[in-house]
Each structure stands twice: as structure tokens, then as C-alpha cells.
Amino acid sequence: MTRHRSFSPDYAGAARTWFEEVLQAARDVHVMGERRAAEGILLSMDRWFIDRDAVRHGASPLTELAMVVSAILGDGTLPRPTAGDYAPETSVLGNPIGAHITLTFDDADLLGHAVLEAIPVGR
């Protein structure tokens, strides 16, 4: 894996476009299965920004995203972060460590947009 200090504007723009389109499509189509669709969106969002060295310092929505993905792939409870800082009172979704999480489209919307706003974009 390469180590980035920032992501290119084109890459960040493509991620934003993908996120907006997928979230809107999921909201339009899914009447049932919102939890699984929201999980799928956030699992995919995580792949866009797997290189976390660019945002590893301090509390970050990307740290929270990694924790949420670990919960989705694990037992459904929010784990301690493996890197970065996490404080529930200043986090996007406000879940305490160890909480069982059930995601909605609104959760995916909030966390996805927070990640997109937090990523460093270079020239």
C-alpha cells in the first residue's frame, strides 16, 4: 500500500460522486433492508480511503468509519480504534465503544459526508 499525505481532487471528487449516487439510489430503492444497505454503503466507502496515514492524527471521521466497518464485519459492537483517537461525544454518530450499532441511511449519510469533508485533498 502506498502512503499518501493527501488524495487528489479527482480521486476525492470521484469518491464524493460515487457516495452521493449510491446513497440516493439506496434511499430510492430500499424500503426494507435499510440496515444492510447502509452497511454496504459504508463498507464500500471504507475502501475508497483505505490509506489512513493521511488522516491518522487525532480524532477523525475516518477512524470512526474504520471502527464501524469492524463492527459490521464483527459482532455488531463498536470496537476500540486500532489507530487514531475516538471520543463518542465528538464523533459523528455518537456511539460509545462497545455499543451495538444498527445503521440507517441517515447514519451512512452523516458519516460518509463527514469522511469526505475530513480527507485531505492535495493539488
C-alpha atoms as a PDB file:
ATOM      1  CA  MET A   1       0.000   0.000   0.000  1.00  0.00           C
ATOM      2  CA  THR A   2       1.290   3.436  -0.827  1.00  0.00           C
ATOM      3  CA  ARG A   3       1.382   6.147   1.795  1.00  0.00           C
ATOM      4  CA  HIS A   4      -0.411   9.359   0.924  1.00  0.00           C
ATOM      5  CA  ARG A   5      -0.430  12.662   2.701  1.00  0.00           C
ATOM      6  CA  SER A   6      -3.488  13.706   0.703  1.00  0.00           C
ATOM      7  CA  PHE A   7      -5.788  12.455  -2.033  1.00  0.00           C
ATOM      8  CA  SER A   8      -6.020  14.036  -5.481  1.00  0.00           C
ATOM      9  CA  PRO A   9      -9.002  16.289  -6.190  1.00  0.00           C
ATOM     10  CA  ASP A  10     -10.096  13.918  -8.981  1.00  0.00           C
ATOM     11  CA  TYR A  11      -9.998  10.924  -6.653  1.00  0.00           C
ATOM     12  CA  ALA A  12     -11.850  12.755  -3.870  1.00  0.00           C
ATOM     13  CA  GLY A  13     -14.388  14.036  -6.409  1.00  0.00           C
ATOM     14  CA  ALA A  14     -14.971  10.548  -7.781  1.00  0.00           C
ATOM     15  CA  ALA A  15     -15.486   9.242  -4.249  1.00  0.00           C
ATOM     16  CA  ARG A  16     -17.974  12.036  -3.498  1.00  0.00           C
ATOM     17  CA  THR A  17     -19.900  11.411  -6.738  1.00  0.00           C
ATOM     18  CA  TRP A  18     -19.992   7.659  -6.075  1.00  0.00           C
ATOM     19  CA  PHE A  19     -21.193   8.192  -2.494  1.00  0.00           C
ATOM     20  CA  GLU A  20     -23.952  10.638  -3.447  1.00  0.00           C
ATOM     21  CA  GLU A  21     -25.230   8.392  -6.277  1.00  0.00           C
ATOM     22  CA  VAL A  22     -25.169   5.180  -4.239  1.00  0.00           C
ATOM     23  CA  LEU A  23     -26.805   6.745  -1.199  1.00  0.00           C
ATOM     24  CA  GLN A  24     -29.582   8.284  -3.303  1.00  0.00           C
ATOM     25  CA  ALA A  25     -30.139   5.034  -5.214  1.00  0.00           C
ATOM     26  CA  ALA A  26     -30.338   3.098  -1.949  1.00  0.00           C
ATOM     27  CA  ARG A  27     -32.841   5.572  -0.492  1.00  0.00           C
ATOM     28  CA  ASP A  28     -34.935   5.356  -3.682  1.00  0.00           C
ATOM     29  CA  VAL A  29     -34.987   1.548  -3.855  1.00  0.00           C
ATOM     30  CA  HIS A  30     -34.806   0.104  -0.361  1.00  0.00           C
ATOM     31  CA  VAL A  31     -37.999   0.105   1.609  1.00  0.00           C
ATOM     32  CA  MET A  32     -36.901  -2.952   3.556  1.00  0.00           C
ATOM     33  CA  GLY A  33     -33.301  -3.846   4.275  1.00  0.00           C
ATOM     34  CA  GLU A  34     -32.160  -0.322   5.123  1.00  0.00           C
ATOM     35  CA  ARG A  35     -29.680  -1.584   7.714  1.00  0.00           C
ATOM     36  CA  ARG A  36     -27.897  -3.922   5.289  1.00  0.00           C
ATOM     37  CA  ALA A  37     -27.893  -1.343   2.501  1.00  0.00           C
ATOM     38  CA  ALA A  38     -26.431   1.294   4.857  1.00  0.00           C
ATOM     39  CA  GLU A  39     -23.785  -1.207   5.958  1.00  0.00           C
ATOM     40  CA  GLY A  40     -22.897  -1.947   2.330  1.00  0.00           C
ATOM     41  CA  ILE A  41     -22.507   1.736   1.540  1.00  0.00           C
ATOM     42  CA  LEU A  42     -20.153   2.281   4.486  1.00  0.00           C
ATOM     43  CA  LEU A  43     -18.169  -0.891   3.717  1.00  0.00           C
ATOM     44  CA  SER A  44     -17.649   0.411   0.194  1.00  0.00           C
ATOM     45  CA  MET A  45     -16.849   3.923   1.431  1.00  0.00           C
ATOM     46  CA  ASP A  46     -14.107   2.460   3.604  1.00  0.00           C
ATOM     47  CA  ARG A  47     -12.397   1.017   0.525  1.00  0.00           C
ATOM     48  CA  TRP A  48     -12.053   4.446  -1.078  1.00  0.00           C
ATOM     49  CA  PHE A  49      -9.872   5.666   1.779  1.00  0.00           C
ATOM     50  CA  ILE A  50      -8.067   2.568   2.985  1.00  0.00           C
ATOM     51  CA  ASP A  51      -4.800   4.505   3.172  1.00  0.00           C
ATOM     52  CA  ARG A  52      -5.397   6.105   6.536  1.00  0.00           C
ATOM     53  CA  ASP A  53      -1.926   7.572   7.093  1.00  0.00           C
ATOM     54  CA  ALA A  54      -3.269  10.820   5.679  1.00  0.00           C
ATOM     55  CA  VAL A  55      -5.803  11.173   8.482  1.00  0.00           C
ATOM     56  CA  ARG A  56      -4.419   9.141  11.363  1.00  0.00           C
ATOM     57  CA  HIS A  57      -3.625  12.012  13.737  1.00  0.00           C
ATOM     58  CA  GLY A  58      -6.234  12.914  16.320  1.00  0.00           C
ATOM     59  CA  ALA A  59      -9.922  12.117  16.197  1.00  0.00           C
ATOM     60  CA  SER A  60     -11.238  11.678  12.662  1.00  0.00           C
ATOM     61  CA  PRO A  61     -14.414  10.522  10.946  1.00  0.00           C
ATOM     62  CA  LEU A  62     -12.176   8.059   9.072  1.00  0.00           C
ATOM     63  CA  THR A  63     -11.197   6.459  12.397  1.00  0.00           C
ATOM     64  CA  GLU A  64     -14.910   6.192  13.206  1.00  0.00           C
ATOM     65  CA  LEU A  65     -15.593   4.690   9.765  1.00  0.00           C
ATOM     66  CA  ALA A  66     -12.919   2.037  10.358  1.00  0.00           C
ATOM     67  CA  MET A  67     -14.498   1.223  13.726  1.00  0.00           C
ATOM     68  CA  VAL A  68     -17.995   0.990  12.197  1.00  0.00           C
ATOM     69  CA  VAL A  69     -16.669  -1.304   9.460  1.00  0.00           C
ATOM     70  CA  SER A  70     -15.071  -3.507  12.123  1.00  0.00           C
ATOM     71  CA  ALA A  71     -18.439  -3.672  13.891  1.00  0.00           C
ATOM     72  CA  ILE A  72     -20.230  -4.583  10.643  1.00  0.00           C
ATOM     73  CA  LEU A  73     -17.735  -7.333   9.898  1.00  0.00           C
ATOM     74  CA  GLY A  74     -17.569  -8.469  13.531  1.00  0.00           C
ATOM     75  CA  ASP A  75     -20.188  -8.913  16.192  1.00  0.00           C
ATOM     76  CA  GLY A  76     -22.061  -5.650  15.617  1.00  0.00           C
ATOM     77  CA  THR A  77     -20.481  -3.802  18.527  1.00  0.00           C
ATOM     78  CA  LEU A  78     -18.240  -0.775  18.143  1.00  0.00           C
ATOM     79  CA  PRO A  79     -14.639  -1.784  18.956  1.00  0.00           C
ATOM     80  CA  ARG A  80     -11.815   0.340  20.282  1.00  0.00           C
ATOM     81  CA  PRO A  81      -9.915   2.016  17.445  1.00  0.00           C
ATOM     82  CA  THR A  82      -6.761   0.264  16.255  1.00  0.00           C
ATOM     83  CA  ALA A  83      -5.320   3.634  15.197  1.00  0.00           C
ATOM     84  CA  GLY A  84      -6.327   7.228  15.791  1.00  0.00           C
ATOM     85  CA  ASP A  85      -8.373   8.676  18.612  1.00  0.00           C
ATOM     86  CA  TYR A  86     -12.079   8.292  19.280  1.00  0.00           C
ATOM     87  CA  ALA A  87     -14.338  10.221  21.628  1.00  0.00           C
ATOM     88  CA  PRO A  88     -18.064   9.404  21.419  1.00  0.00           C
ATOM     89  CA  GLU A  89     -19.067  12.916  22.487  1.00  0.00           C
ATOM     90  CA  THR A  90     -17.313  14.476  19.479  1.00  0.00           C
ATOM     91  CA  SER A  91     -17.834  11.623  16.999  1.00  0.00           C
ATOM     92  CA  VAL A  92     -20.223  11.751  14.068  1.00  0.00           C
ATOM     93  CA  LEU A  93     -22.639   9.040  15.205  1.00  0.00           C
ATOM     94  CA  GLY A  94     -22.022   9.362  18.950  1.00  0.00           C
ATOM     95  CA  ASN A  95     -21.822   5.637  19.681  1.00  0.00           C
ATOM     96  CA  PRO A  96     -19.835   4.601  22.762  1.00  0.00           C
ATOM     97  CA  ILE A  97     -17.226   1.879  22.438  1.00  0.00           C
ATOM     98  CA  GLY A  98     -18.913  -1.468  22.990  1.00  0.00           C
ATOM     99  CA  ALA A  99     -22.331  -0.249  21.819  1.00  0.00           C
ATOM    100  CA  HIS A 100     -24.313  -2.468  19.467  1.00  0.00           C
ATOM    101  CA  ILE A 101     -24.893  -0.463  16.298  1.00  0.00           C
ATOM    102  CA  THR A 102     -27.777  -0.634  13.827  1.00  0.00           C
ATOM    103  CA  LEU A 103     -27.166   1.675  10.899  1.00  0.00           C
ATOM    104  CA  THR A 104     -29.674   3.705   8.912  1.00  0.00           C
ATOM    105  CA  PHE A 105     -29.356   5.657   5.680  1.00  0.00           C
ATOM    106  CA  ASP A 106     -29.161   8.811   7.795  1.00  0.00           C
ATOM    107  CA  ASP A 107     -26.180   7.315   9.668  1.00  0.00           C
ATOM    108  CA  ALA A 108     -24.476   6.431   6.378  1.00  0.00           C
ATOM    109  CA  ASP A 109     -25.236   9.926   5.086  1.00  0.00           C
ATOM    110  CA  LEU A 110     -23.774  11.657   8.165  1.00  0.00           C
ATOM    111  CA  LEU A 111     -20.656   9.514   8.428  1.00  0.00           C
ATOM    112  CA  GLY A 112     -19.982   9.397   4.693  1.00  0.00           C
ATOM    113  CA  HIS A 113     -20.196  13.172   4.331  1.00  0.00           C
ATOM    114  CA  ALA A 114     -18.035  13.673   7.431  1.00  0.00           C
ATOM    115  CA  VAL A 115     -15.368  11.404   5.932  1.00  0.00           C
ATOM    116  CA  LEU A 116     -15.495  13.245   2.626  1.00  0.00           C
ATOM    117  CA  GLU A 117     -15.105  16.580   4.413  1.00  0.00           C
ATOM    118  CA  ALA A 118     -12.238  15.332   6.578  1.00  0.00           C
ATOM    119  CA  ILE A 119      -9.985  13.824   3.933  1.00  0.00           C
ATOM    120  CA  PRO A 120      -7.038  15.967   2.936  1.00  0.00           C
ATOM    121  CA  VAL A 121      -7.132  16.896  -0.726  1.00  0.00           C
ATOM    122  CA  GLY A 122      -3.932  17.912  -2.489  1.00  0.00           C
ATOM    123  CA  ARG A 123      -3.404  19.565  -5.806  1.00  0.00           C
END
